[in-house]
């Protein structure tokens, strides 16, 4: 679980990052990032109704939070991860590898 210091909560932060941030896309997620001056990474997770019903969205959200917890010290950035509908149909291993690869590409492009 991400602690409060590593979470994005304000809608204005989500908008700022998705509009001005660097974007990387995969078949399962879209990730946006803006460098942060706070010295730590903060994550926001977006799972729309297109991903599935409430239990499915919650499962995907929990999985993405666990992956974000692993990647929290990789760099100092504010990151928004938006799940695509295909994220609900894959296994943990596939989602884990795909998100980490997308975040790595985000690191190299920023």
PDB file of N, CA and C in Angstrom:
ATOM      1  N   UNK A   1       0.838  -1.182   0.000  1.00  0.00           N
ATOM      2  CA  UNK A   1       0.000   0.000   0.000  1.00  0.00           C
ATOM      3  C   UNK A   1       0.884   1.248   0.000  1.00  0.00           C
ATOM      4  N   UNK A   2       0.543   2.174  -0.823  1.00  0.00           N
ATOM      5  CA  UNK A   2       1.279   3.438  -0.870  1.00  0.00           C
ATOM      6  C   UNK A   2       0.902   4.295   0.330  1.00  0.00           C
ATOM      7  N   UNK A   3       1.896   4.845   1.000  1.00  0.00           N
ATOM      8  CA  UNK A   3       1.586   5.747   2.097  1.00  0.00           C
ATOM      9  C   UNK A   3       1.173   7.107   1.535  1.00  0.00           C
ATOM     10  N   UNK A   4       0.637   7.933   2.390  1.00  0.00           N
ATOM     11  CA  UNK A   4       0.062   9.210   1.966  1.00  0.00           C
ATOM     12  C   UNK A   4       1.056  10.087   1.193  1.00  0.00           C
ATOM     13  N   UNK A   5       2.306  10.051   1.580  1.00  0.00           N
ATOM     14  CA  UNK A   5       3.312  10.881   0.918  1.00  0.00           C
ATOM     15  C   UNK A   5       3.533  10.484  -0.533  1.00  0.00           C
ATOM     16  N   UNK A   6       3.212   9.248  -0.888  1.00  0.00           N
ATOM     17  CA  UNK A   6       3.436   8.744  -2.245  1.00  0.00           C
ATOM     18  C   UNK A   6       2.152   8.703  -3.085  1.00  0.00           C
ATOM     19  N   UNK A   7       1.068   9.306  -2.600  1.00  0.00           N
ATOM     20  CA  UNK A   7      -0.195   9.271  -3.324  1.00  0.00           C
ATOM     21  C   UNK A   7      -0.590  10.637  -3.852  1.00  0.00           C
ATOM     22  N   UNK A   8      -1.144  10.666  -5.041  1.00  0.00           N
ATOM     23  CA  UNK A   8      -1.770  11.865  -5.580  1.00  0.00           C
ATOM     24  C   UNK A   8      -3.237  11.809  -5.197  1.00  0.00           C
ATOM     25  N   UNK A   9      -3.801  12.927  -4.761  1.00  0.00           N
ATOM     26  CA  UNK A   9      -5.190  12.908  -4.328  1.00  0.00           C
ATOM     27  C   UNK A   9      -6.039  13.983  -5.000  1.00  0.00           C
ATOM     28  N   UNK A  10      -5.446  15.108  -5.322  1.00  0.00           N
ATOM     29  CA  UNK A  10      -6.222  16.225  -5.838  1.00  0.00           C
ATOM     30  C   UNK A  10      -6.505  16.085  -7.330  1.00  0.00           C
ATOM     31  N   UNK A  11      -7.747  16.332  -7.736  1.00  0.00           N
ATOM     32  CA  UNK A  11      -8.075  16.285  -9.168  1.00  0.00           C
ATOM     33  C   UNK A  11      -7.217  17.245 -10.000  1.00  0.00           C
ATOM     34  N   UNK A  12      -6.826  18.373  -9.417  1.00  0.00           N
ATOM     35  CA  UNK A  12      -5.994  19.324 -10.154  1.00  0.00           C
ATOM     36  C   UNK A  12      -4.627  18.728 -10.468  1.00  0.00           C
ATOM     37  N   UNK A  13      -4.090  17.895  -9.556  1.00  0.00           N
ATOM     38  CA  UNK A  13      -2.814  17.222  -9.822  1.00  0.00           C
ATOM     39  C   UNK A  13      -2.954  16.235 -10.977  1.00  0.00           C
ATOM     40  N   UNK A  14      -4.047  15.459 -10.971  1.00  0.00           N
ATOM     41  CA  UNK A  14      -4.280  14.498 -12.049  1.00  0.00           C
ATOM     42  C   UNK A  14      -4.369  15.218 -13.395  1.00  0.00           C
ATOM     43  N   UNK A  15      -5.132  16.315 -13.439  1.00  0.00           N
ATOM     44  CA  UNK A  15      -5.277  17.077 -14.690  1.00  0.00           C
ATOM     45  C   UNK A  15      -3.945  17.645 -15.158  1.00  0.00           C
ATOM     46  N   UNK A  16      -3.198  18.227 -14.228  1.00  0.00           N
ATOM     47  CA  UNK A  16      -1.908  18.831 -14.576  1.00  0.00           C
ATOM     48  C   UNK A  16      -0.961  17.787 -15.169  1.00  0.00           C
ATOM     49  N   UNK A  17      -0.907  16.631 -14.567  1.00  0.00           N
ATOM     50  CA  UNK A  17       0.020  15.589 -15.032  1.00  0.00           C
ATOM     51  C   UNK A  17      -0.420  15.015 -16.366  1.00  0.00           C
ATOM     52  N   UNK A  18      -1.707  14.742 -16.538  1.00  0.00           N
ATOM     53  CA  UNK A  18      -2.160  14.157 -17.801  1.00  0.00           C
ATOM     54  C   UNK A  18      -2.107  15.146 -18.957  1.00  0.00           C
ATOM     55  N   UNK A  19      -2.221  16.432 -18.677  1.00  0.00           N
ATOM     56  CA  UNK A  19      -2.175  17.429 -19.751  1.00  0.00           C
ATOM     57  C   UNK A  19      -0.760  17.860 -20.118  1.00  0.00           C
ATOM     58  N   UNK A  20       0.122  17.967 -19.127  1.00  0.00           N
ATOM     59  CA  UNK A  20       1.456  18.497 -19.381  1.00  0.00           C
ATOM     60  C   UNK A  20       2.563  17.458 -19.318  1.00  0.00           C
ATOM     61  N   UNK A  21       2.240  16.262 -18.834  1.00  0.00           N
ATOM     62  CA  UNK A  21       3.283  15.273 -18.604  1.00  0.00           C
ATOM     63  C   UNK A  21       3.699  14.497 -19.834  1.00  0.00           C
ATOM     64  N   UNK A  22       4.801  13.787 -19.680  1.00  0.00           N
ATOM     65  CA  UNK A  22       5.275  12.867 -20.698  1.00  0.00           C
ATOM     66  C   UNK A  22       4.371  11.635 -20.680  1.00  0.00           C
ATOM     67  N   UNK A  23       4.058  11.095 -21.848  1.00  0.00           N
ATOM     68  CA  UNK A  23       3.100   9.997 -21.947  1.00  0.00           C
ATOM     69  C   UNK A  23       3.756   8.772 -22.571  1.00  0.00           C
ATOM     70  N   UNK A  24       3.487   7.604 -21.969  1.00  0.00           N
ATOM     71  CA  UNK A  24       3.906   6.325 -22.543  1.00  0.00           C
ATOM     72  C   UNK A  24       2.697   5.400 -22.525  1.00  0.00           C
ATOM     73  N   UNK A  25       2.500   4.682 -23.622  1.00  0.00           N
ATOM     74  CA  UNK A  25       1.345   3.807 -23.757  1.00  0.00           C
ATOM     75  C   UNK A  25       1.784   2.370 -23.969  1.00  0.00           C
ATOM     76  N   UNK A  26       1.031   1.454 -23.385  1.00  0.00           N
ATOM     77  CA  UNK A  26       1.205   0.032 -23.673  1.00  0.00           C
ATOM     78  C   UNK A  26      -0.180  -0.526 -23.964  1.00  0.00           C
ATOM     79  N   UNK A  27      -0.272  -1.814 -24.138  1.00  0.00           N
ATOM     80  CA  UNK A  27      -1.572  -2.412 -24.419  1.00  0.00           C
ATOM     81  C   UNK A  27      -2.453  -2.488 -23.174  1.00  0.00           C
ATOM     82  N   UNK A  28      -1.865  -2.308 -21.977  1.00  0.00           N
ATOM     83  CA  UNK A  28      -2.619  -2.451 -20.730  1.00  0.00           C
ATOM     84  C   UNK A  28      -2.798  -1.148 -19.955  1.00  0.00           C
ATOM     85  N   UNK A  29      -1.854  -0.229 -20.079  1.00  0.00           N
ATOM     86  CA  UNK A  29      -1.927   1.027 -19.314  1.00  0.00           C
ATOM     87  C   UNK A  29      -1.407   2.196 -20.139  1.00  0.00           C
ATOM     88  N   UNK A  30      -1.786   3.388 -19.688  1.00  0.00           N
ATOM     89  CA  UNK A  30      -1.206   4.627 -20.188  1.00  0.00           C
ATOM     90  C   UNK A  30      -0.615   5.316 -18.966  1.00  0.00           C
ATOM     91  N   UNK A  31       0.655   5.703 -19.046  1.00  0.00           N
ATOM     92  CA  UNK A  31       1.330   6.343 -17.915  1.00  0.00           C
ATOM     93  C   UNK A  31       1.770   7.741 -18.309  1.00  0.00           C
ATOM     94  N   UNK A  32       1.562   8.678 -17.396  1.00  0.00           N
ATOM     95  CA  UNK A  32       1.960  10.069 -17.577  1.00  0.00           C
ATOM     96  C   UNK A  32       2.885  10.444 -16.427  1.00  0.00           C
ATOM     97  N   UNK A  33       3.886  11.278 -16.689  1.00  0.00           N
ATOM     98  CA  UNK A  33       4.803  11.690 -15.619  1.00  0.00           C
ATOM     99  C   UNK A  33       5.268  13.124 -15.807  1.00  0.00           C
ATOM    100  N   UNK A  34       5.471  13.796 -14.685  1.00  0.00           N
ATOM    101  CA  UNK A  34       6.069  15.124 -14.618  1.00  0.00           C
ATOM    102  C   UNK A  34       7.133  15.054 -13.535  1.00  0.00           C
ATOM    103  N   UNK A  35       8.332  15.583 -13.801  1.00  0.00           N
ATOM    104  CA  UNK A  35       9.359  15.598 -12.749  1.00  0.00           C
ATOM    105  C   UNK A  35       8.857  16.336 -11.511  1.00  0.00           C
ATOM    106  N   UNK A  36       9.246  15.835 -10.358  1.00  0.00           N
ATOM    107  CA  UNK A  36       8.816  16.415  -9.097  1.00  0.00           C
ATOM    108  C   UNK A  36      10.011  17.006  -8.358  1.00  0.00           C
ATOM    109  N   UNK A  37       9.785  18.104  -7.683  1.00  0.00           N
ATOM    110  CA  UNK A  37      10.846  18.708  -6.884  1.00  0.00           C
ATOM    111  C   UNK A  37      10.758  18.289  -5.421  1.00  0.00           C
ATOM    112  N   UNK A  38       9.886  17.353  -5.111  1.00  0.00           N
ATOM    113  CA  UNK A  38       9.682  16.912  -3.732  1.00  0.00           C
ATOM    114  C   UNK A  38      10.699  15.870  -3.281  1.00  0.00           C
ATOM    115  N   UNK A  39      11.440  15.293  -4.211  1.00  0.00           N
ATOM    116  CA  UNK A  39      12.425  14.286  -3.849  1.00  0.00           C
ATOM    117  C   UNK A  39      11.846  12.890  -3.704  1.00  0.00           C
ATOM    118  N   UNK A  40      10.591  12.694  -4.092  1.00  0.00           N
ATOM    119  CA  UNK A  40       9.982  11.367  -4.041  1.00  0.00           C
ATOM    120  C   UNK A  40       8.942  11.244  -5.141  1.00  0.00           C
ATOM    121  N   UNK A  41       8.579  10.018  -5.447  1.00  0.00           N
ATOM    122  CA  UNK A  41       7.561   9.767  -6.466  1.00  0.00           C
ATOM    123  C   UNK A  41       6.185   9.747  -5.825  1.00  0.00           C
ATOM    124  N   UNK A  42       5.220  10.355  -6.523  1.00  0.00           N
ATOM    125  CA  UNK A  42       3.826  10.273  -6.098  1.00  0.00           C
ATOM    126  C   UNK A  42       3.043   9.667  -7.240  1.00  0.00           C
ATOM    127  N   UNK A  43       2.116   8.757  -6.905  1.00  0.00           N
ATOM    128  CA  UNK A  43       1.368   8.021  -7.907  1.00  0.00           C
ATOM    129  C   UNK A  43      -0.125   8.284  -7.779  1.00  0.00           C
ATOM    130  N   UNK A  44      -0.791   8.292  -8.931  1.00  0.00           N
ATOM    131  CA  UNK A  44      -2.239   8.332  -9.002  1.00  0.00           C
ATOM    132  C   UNK A  44      -2.685   7.223  -9.928  1.00  0.00           C
ATOM    133  N   UNK A  45      -3.760   6.541  -9.567  1.00  0.00           N
ATOM    134  CA  UNK A  45      -4.273   5.414 -10.351  1.00  0.00           C
ATOM    135  C   UNK A  45      -5.660   5.774 -10.856  1.00  0.00           C
ATOM    136  N   UNK A  46      -5.914   5.527 -12.138  1.00  0.00           N
ATOM    137  CA  UNK A  46      -7.214   5.784 -12.745  1.00  0.00           C
ATOM    138  C   UNK A  46      -7.725   4.492 -13.352  1.00  0.00           C
ATOM    139  N   UNK A  47      -8.918   4.066 -12.910  1.00  0.00           N
ATOM    140  CA  UNK A  47      -9.570   2.895 -13.504  1.00  0.00           C
ATOM    141  C   UNK A  47     -11.014   3.291 -13.814  1.00  0.00           C
ATOM    142  N   UNK A  48     -11.324   3.442 -15.073  1.00  0.00           N
ATOM    143  CA  UNK A  48     -12.662   3.876 -15.469  1.00  0.00           C
ATOM    144  C   UNK A  48     -13.610   2.682 -15.538  1.00  0.00           C
ATOM    145  N   UNK A  49     -14.882   2.965 -15.741  1.00  0.00           N
ATOM    146  CA  UNK A  49     -15.878   1.901 -15.848  1.00  0.00           C
ATOM    147  C   UNK A  49     -15.652   1.018 -17.067  1.00  0.00           C
ATOM    148  N   UNK A  50     -14.871   1.504 -18.026  1.00  0.00           N
ATOM    149  CA  UNK A  50     -14.555   0.693 -19.203  1.00  0.00           C
ATOM    150  C   UNK A  50     -13.720  -0.532 -18.824  1.00  0.00           C
ATOM    151  N   UNK A  51     -13.030  -0.478 -17.690  1.00  0.00           N
ATOM    152  CA  UNK A  51     -12.195  -1.598 -17.244  1.00  0.00           C
ATOM    153  C   UNK A  51     -13.066  -2.768 -16.803  1.00  0.00           C
ATOM    154  N   UNK A  52     -14.231  -2.499 -16.240  1.00  0.00           N
ATOM    155  CA  UNK A  52     -15.123  -3.572 -15.804  1.00  0.00           C
ATOM    156  C   UNK A  52     -16.020  -3.113 -14.676  1.00  0.00           C
ATOM    157  N   UNK A  53     -16.662  -4.086 -14.036  1.00  0.00           N
ATOM    158  CA  UNK A  53     -17.538  -3.753 -12.916  1.00  0.00           C
ATOM    159  C   UNK A  53     -16.691  -3.389 -11.688  1.00  0.00           C
ATOM    160  N   UNK A  54     -17.354  -2.997 -10.609  1.00  0.00           N
ATOM    161  CA  UNK A  54     -16.637  -2.484  -9.430  1.00  0.00           C
ATOM    162  C   UNK A  54     -15.612  -3.470  -8.858  1.00  0.00           C
ATOM    163  N   UNK A  55     -15.951  -4.746  -8.670  1.00  0.00           N
ATOM    164  CA  UNK A  55     -14.923  -5.657  -8.141  1.00  0.00           C
ATOM    165  C   UNK A  55     -13.718  -5.793  -9.064  1.00  0.00           C
ATOM    166  N   UNK A  56     -13.948  -5.777 -10.355  1.00  0.00           N
ATOM    167  CA  UNK A  56     -12.852  -5.877 -11.320  1.00  0.00           C
ATOM    168  C   UNK A  56     -11.983  -4.630 -11.273  1.00  0.00           C
ATOM    169  N   UNK A  57     -12.606  -3.463 -11.256  1.00  0.00           N
ATOM    170  CA  UNK A  57     -11.848  -2.207 -11.162  1.00  0.00           C
ATOM    171  C   UNK A  57     -11.034  -2.149  -9.880  1.00  0.00           C
ATOM    172  N   UNK A  58     -11.623  -2.582  -8.781  1.00  0.00           N
ATOM    173  CA  UNK A  58     -10.910  -2.562  -7.504  1.00  0.00           C
ATOM    174  C   UNK A  58      -9.719  -3.508  -7.505  1.00  0.00           C
ATOM    175  N   UNK A  59      -9.863  -4.678  -8.128  1.00  0.00           N
ATOM    176  CA  UNK A  59      -8.758  -5.630  -8.220  1.00  0.00           C
ATOM    177  C   UNK A  59      -7.617  -5.030  -9.042  1.00  0.00           C
ATOM    178  N   UNK A  60      -7.943  -4.448 -10.185  1.00  0.00           N
ATOM    179  CA  UNK A  60      -6.928  -3.828 -11.041  1.00  0.00           C
ATOM    180  C   UNK A  60      -6.269  -2.665 -10.296  1.00  0.00           C
ATOM    181  N   UNK A  61      -7.060  -1.872  -9.596  1.00  0.00           N
ATOM    182  CA  UNK A  61      -6.515  -0.743  -8.836  1.00  0.00           C
ATOM    183  C   UNK A  61      -5.554  -1.223  -7.749  1.00  0.00           C
ATOM    184  N   UNK A  62      -5.916  -2.285  -7.031  1.00  0.00           N
ATOM    185  CA  UNK A  62      -5.027  -2.831  -5.998  1.00  0.00           C
ATOM    186  C   UNK A  62      -3.726  -3.338  -6.611  1.00  0.00           C
ATOM    187  N   UNK A  63      -3.828  -4.000  -7.756  1.00  0.00           N
ATOM    188  CA  UNK A  63      -2.628  -4.503  -8.423  1.00  0.00           C
ATOM    189  C   UNK A  63      -1.726  -3.354  -8.868  1.00  0.00           C
ATOM    190  N   UNK A  64      -2.314  -2.314  -9.430  1.00  0.00           N
ATOM    191  CA  UNK A  64      -1.516  -1.167  -9.881  1.00  0.00           C
ATOM    192  C   UNK A  64      -0.874  -0.441  -8.698  1.00  0.00           C
ATOM    193  N   UNK A  65      -1.581  -0.360  -7.574  1.00  0.00           N
ATOM    194  CA  UNK A  65      -0.986   0.246  -6.385  1.00  0.00           C
ATOM    195  C   UNK A  65       0.205  -0.561  -5.884  1.00  0.00           C
ATOM    196  N   UNK A  66       0.102  -1.888  -5.933  1.00  0.00           N
ATOM    197  CA  UNK A  66       1.213  -2.742  -5.500  1.00  0.00           C
ATOM    198  C   UNK A  66       2.428  -2.547  -6.406  1.00  0.00           C
ATOM    199  N   UNK A  67       2.191  -2.416  -7.693  1.00  0.00           N
ATOM    200  CA  UNK A  67       3.288  -2.186  -8.639  1.00  0.00           C
ATOM    201  C   UNK A  67       3.896  -0.805  -8.402  1.00  0.00           C
ATOM    202  N   UNK A  68       3.044   0.194  -8.156  1.00  0.00           N
ATOM    203  CA  UNK A  68       3.540   1.545  -7.877  1.00  0.00           C
ATOM    204  C   UNK A  68       4.377   1.549  -6.599  1.00  0.00           C
ATOM    205  N   UNK A  69       3.983   0.770  -5.601  1.00  0.00           N
ATOM    206  CA  UNK A  69       4.743   0.694  -4.361  1.00  0.00           C
ATOM    207  C   UNK A  69       6.154   0.175  -4.634  1.00  0.00           C
ATOM    208  N   UNK A  70       6.270  -0.817  -5.525  1.00  0.00           N
ATOM    209  CA  UNK A  70       7.586  -1.346  -5.891  1.00  0.00           C
ATOM    210  C   UNK A  70       8.436  -0.292  -6.608  1.00  0.00           C
ATOM    211  N   UNK A  71       7.795   0.515  -7.436  1.00  0.00           N
ATOM    212  CA  UNK A  71       8.518   1.466  -8.288  1.00  0.00           C
ATOM    213  C   UNK A  71       8.651   2.846  -7.658  1.00  0.00           C
ATOM    214  N   UNK A  72       8.232   3.029  -6.424  1.00  0.00           N
ATOM    215  CA  UNK A  72       8.153   4.369  -5.822  1.00  0.00           C
ATOM    216  C   UNK A  72       9.496   5.070  -5.678  1.00  0.00           C
ATOM    217  N   UNK A  73      10.586   4.324  -5.556  1.00  0.00           N
ATOM    218  CA  UNK A  73      11.886   4.950  -5.351  1.00  0.00           C
ATOM    219  C   UNK A  73      12.725   5.039  -6.625  1.00  0.00           C
ATOM    220  N   UNK A  74      12.140   4.684  -7.761  1.00  0.00           N
ATOM    221  CA  UNK A  74      12.893   4.653  -9.006  1.00  0.00           C
ATOM    222  C   UNK A  74      13.310   6.060  -9.465  1.00  0.00           C
ATOM    223  N   UNK A  75      12.477   7.050  -9.224  1.00  0.00           N
ATOM    224  CA  UNK A  75      12.800   8.424  -9.598  1.00  0.00           C
ATOM    225  C   UNK A  75      11.902   9.389  -8.869  1.00  0.00           C
ATOM    226  N   UNK A  76      12.207  10.646  -8.971  1.00  0.00           N
ATOM    227  CA  UNK A  76      11.409  11.678  -8.333  1.00  0.00           C
ATOM    228  C   UNK A  76      10.466  12.269  -9.381  1.00  0.00           C
ATOM    229  N   UNK A  77       9.225  11.782  -9.394  1.00  0.00           N
ATOM    230  CA  UNK A  77       8.257  12.240 -10.382  1.00  0.00           C
ATOM    231  C   UNK A  77       6.843  12.050  -9.853  1.00  0.00           C
ATOM    232  N   UNK A  78       5.922  12.815 -10.408  1.00  0.00           N
ATOM    233  CA  UNK A  78       4.502  12.608 -10.173  1.00  0.00           C
ATOM    234  C   UNK A  78       3.990  11.806 -11.358  1.00  0.00           C
ATOM    235  N   UNK A  79       3.395  10.646 -11.086  1.00  0.00           N
ATOM    236  CA  UNK A  79       3.016   9.698 -12.132  1.00  0.00           C
ATOM    237  C   UNK A  79       1.548   9.335 -12.008  1.00  0.00           C
ATOM    238  N   UNK A  80       0.838   9.349 -13.126  1.00  0.00           N
ATOM    239  CA  UNK A  80      -0.540   8.877 -13.194  1.00  0.00           C
ATOM    240  C   UNK A  80      -0.550   7.654 -14.088  1.00  0.00           C
ATOM    241  N   UNK A  81      -1.128   6.560 -13.584  1.00  0.00           N
ATOM    242  CA  UNK A  81      -1.262   5.328 -14.357  1.00  0.00           C
ATOM    243  C   UNK A  81      -2.742   5.110 -14.621  1.00  0.00           C
ATOM    244  N   UNK A  82      -3.118   5.083 -15.907  1.00  0.00           N
ATOM    245  CA  UNK A  82      -4.512   4.863 -16.289  1.00  0.00           C
ATOM    246  C   UNK A  82      -4.633   3.465 -16.867  1.00  0.00           C
ATOM    247  N   UNK A  83      -5.482   2.643 -16.259  1.00  0.00           N
ATOM    248  CA  UNK A  83      -5.682   1.271 -16.715  1.00  0.00           C
ATOM    249  C   UNK A  83      -6.575   1.259 -17.955  1.00  0.00           C
ATOM    250  N   UNK A  84      -6.209   0.437 -18.915  1.00  0.00           N
ATOM    251  CA  UNK A  84      -7.032   0.221 -20.096  1.00  0.00           C
ATOM    252  C   UNK A  84      -7.865  -1.047 -19.870  1.00  0.00           C
ATOM    253  N   UNK A  85      -8.957  -1.249 -20.614  1.00  0.00           N
ATOM    254  CA  UNK A  85      -9.811  -2.410 -20.387  1.00  0.00           C
ATOM    255  C   UNK A  85      -9.089  -3.760 -20.434  1.00  0.00           C
ATOM    256  N   UNK A  86      -8.051  -3.869 -21.224  1.00  0.00           N
ATOM    257  CA  UNK A  86      -7.317  -5.138 -21.319  1.00  0.00           C
ATOM    258  C   UNK A  86      -6.618  -5.505 -20.019  1.00  0.00           C
ATOM    259  N   UNK A  87      -6.373  -4.537 -19.142  1.00  0.00           N
ATOM    260  CA  UNK A  87      -5.696  -4.803 -17.866  1.00  0.00           C
ATOM    261  C   UNK A  87      -6.513  -5.729 -16.973  1.00  0.00           C
ATOM    262  N   UNK A  88      -7.811  -5.768 -17.168  1.00  0.00           N
ATOM    263  CA  UNK A  88      -8.675  -6.608 -16.337  1.00  0.00           C
ATOM    264  C   UNK A  88      -8.625  -8.079 -16.736  1.00  0.00           C
ATOM    265  N   UNK A  89      -8.104  -8.375 -17.908  1.00  0.00           N
ATOM    266  CA  UNK A  89      -8.161  -9.749 -18.407  1.00  0.00           C
ATOM    267  C   UNK A  89      -6.842 -10.499 -18.319  1.00  0.00           C
ATOM    268  N   UNK A  90      -5.778  -9.832 -17.896  1.00  0.00           N
ATOM    269  CA  UNK A  90      -4.467 -10.479 -17.872  1.00  0.00           C
ATOM    270  C   UNK A  90      -4.100 -10.913 -16.454  1.00  0.00           C
ATOM    271  N   UNK A  91      -3.095 -11.767 -16.364  1.00  0.00           N
ATOM    272  CA  UNK A  91      -2.626 -12.242 -15.064  1.00  0.00           C
ATOM    273  C   UNK A  91      -1.761 -11.178 -14.401  1.00  0.00           C
ATOM    274  N   UNK A  92      -1.499 -11.381 -13.120  1.00  0.00           N
ATOM    275  CA  UNK A  92      -0.646 -10.468 -12.352  1.00  0.00           C
ATOM    276  C   UNK A  92       0.729 -10.340 -12.988  1.00  0.00           C
ATOM    277  N   UNK A  93       1.330 -11.459 -13.390  1.00  0.00           N
ATOM    278  CA  UNK A  93       2.682 -11.426 -13.951  1.00  0.00           C
ATOM    279  C   UNK A  93       2.752 -10.579 -15.218  1.00  0.00           C
ATOM    280  N   UNK A  94       1.771 -10.710 -16.073  1.00  0.00           N
ATOM    281  CA  UNK A  94       1.751  -9.949 -17.325  1.00  0.00           C
ATOM    282  C   UNK A  94       1.552  -8.467 -17.029  1.00  0.00           C
ATOM    283  N   UNK A  95       0.605  -8.148 -16.146  1.00  0.00           N
ATOM    284  CA  UNK A  95       0.354  -6.745 -15.797  1.00  0.00           C
ATOM    285  C   UNK A  95       1.582  -6.125 -15.131  1.00  0.00           C
ATOM    286  N   UNK A  96       2.181  -6.848 -14.214  1.00  0.00           N
ATOM    287  CA  UNK A  96       3.362  -6.381 -13.494  1.00  0.00           C
ATOM    288  C   UNK A  96       4.491  -6.052 -14.469  1.00  0.00           C
ATOM    289  N   UNK A  97       4.802  -6.982 -15.357  1.00  0.00           N
ATOM    290  CA  UNK A  97       5.893  -6.776 -16.320  1.00  0.00           C
ATOM    291  C   UNK A  97       5.580  -5.609 -17.261  1.00  0.00           C
ATOM    292  N   UNK A  98       4.342  -5.515 -17.717  1.00  0.00           N
ATOM    293  CA  UNK A  98       3.959  -4.466 -18.660  1.00  0.00           C
ATOM    294  C   UNK A  98       4.049  -3.079 -18.018  1.00  0.00           C
ATOM    295  N   UNK A  99       3.558  -2.944 -16.804  1.00  0.00           N
ATOM    296  CA  UNK A  99       3.581  -1.639 -16.138  1.00  0.00           C
ATOM    297  C   UNK A  99       5.014  -1.225 -15.833  1.00  0.00           C
ATOM    298  N   UNK A 100       5.828  -2.134 -15.329  1.00  0.00           N
ATOM    299  CA  UNK A 100       7.226  -1.786 -15.040  1.00  0.00           C
ATOM    300  C   UNK A 100       7.968  -1.400 -16.312  1.00  0.00           C
ATOM    301  N   UNK A 101       7.693  -2.099 -17.413  1.00  0.00           N
ATOM    302  CA  UNK A 101       8.324  -1.757 -18.685  1.00  0.00           C
ATOM    303  C   UNK A 101       7.872  -0.371 -19.160  1.00  0.00           C
ATOM    304  N   UNK A 102       6.598  -0.071 -18.988  1.00  0.00           N
ATOM    305  CA  UNK A 102       6.077   1.241 -19.375  1.00  0.00           C
ATOM    306  C   UNK A 102       6.693   2.342 -18.520  1.00  0.00           C
ATOM    307  N   UNK A 103       6.826   2.101 -17.217  1.00  0.00           N
ATOM    308  CA  UNK A 103       7.454   3.092 -16.337  1.00  0.00           C
ATOM    309  C   UNK A 103       8.932   3.273 -16.672  1.00  0.00           C
ATOM    310  N   UNK A 104       9.610   2.196 -17.051  1.00  0.00           N
ATOM    311  CA  UNK A 104      11.011   2.321 -17.469  1.00  0.00           C
ATOM    312  C   UNK A 104      11.140   3.170 -18.727  1.00  0.00           C
ATOM    313  N   UNK A 105      10.241   2.952 -19.698  1.00  0.00           N
ATOM    314  CA  UNK A 105      10.256   3.765 -20.914  1.00  0.00           C
ATOM    315  C   UNK A 105       9.973   5.217 -20.581  1.00  0.00           C
ATOM    316  N   UNK A 106       9.116   5.441 -19.608  1.00  0.00           N
ATOM    317  CA  UNK A 106       8.811   6.794 -19.162  1.00  0.00           C
ATOM    318  C   UNK A 106      10.043   7.440 -18.547  1.00  0.00           C
ATOM    319  N   UNK A 107      10.824   6.652 -17.802  1.00  0.00           N
ATOM    320  CA  UNK A 107      12.067   7.153 -17.211  1.00  0.00           C
ATOM    321  C   UNK A 107      13.071   7.564 -18.270  1.00  0.00           C
ATOM    322  N   UNK A 108      13.211   6.760 -19.314  1.00  0.00           N
ATOM    323  CA  UNK A 108      14.219   7.041 -20.333  1.00  0.00           C
ATOM    324  C   UNK A 108      13.789   8.198 -21.241  1.00  0.00           C
ATOM    325  N   UNK A 109      12.493   8.410 -21.401  1.00  0.00           N
ATOM    326  CA  UNK A 109      12.059   9.484 -22.304  1.00  0.00           C
ATOM    327  C   UNK A 109      12.005  10.835 -21.618  1.00  0.00           C
ATOM    328  N   UNK A 110      11.981  10.839 -20.292  1.00  0.00           N
ATOM    329  CA  UNK A 110      11.868  12.128 -19.578  1.00  0.00           C
ATOM    330  C   UNK A 110      13.216  12.757 -19.325  1.00  0.00           C
TER     331      UNK A 110
END
